[in-house]
């Protein structure tokens, strides 16, 4: 029983130690940039939750201590550790860097530093999403409206428009045109 308690205590100490840094070990100019990113991110984070205006109730960050505050207009305080470009994200990243530096070149240790302590959102909630319609054609190409991965110029019906036809023509005959141009260029020099 005592060994189980010891393992839990050691694990908690490692987690806490891995997620904190001494701010004075980071140059003030870098901490100032971190604070700028934090205060820039706060309004954007607040806008992702319903009932908030663009202007947070409180948005501050102290570069000397890395103490920050982000309170949305509805009084809620978002969990900044779930986002990148925030003070918790930068502290986590720096703690991982320190962990890697303390590994003495051991790649297994370095890998563990990064994978055991991921920084930022691991499973972010998608707030602003739109639905798209996608179908697969017999050639395996996706078509549909609003699909960023659909071929250039595809329409919702899957029919090709002028842009797609030109793109397909370039794919089919492009190499031939390039070779003909090279041949004509060599012929001029002879």
Foldseek 3Di string as FASTA:
>chain_A
DVVVVVVVVVVVVVVVLLQADQLVVDDLVVLVQLLVLAQVCLLVVLVLDPPFDSDAPAWGADSNRRDTFRATPVRDGDDCQQAPSHSSQVSNVVSLVVQLVVPVPDVVSNVCSDPVRPTHHPDDDDRDDDDWDWDADPVRAIATPPDPRGPPQAYHVRDHDPVVVVVVCCVVCVVVVVVVVVVVVVVVVD
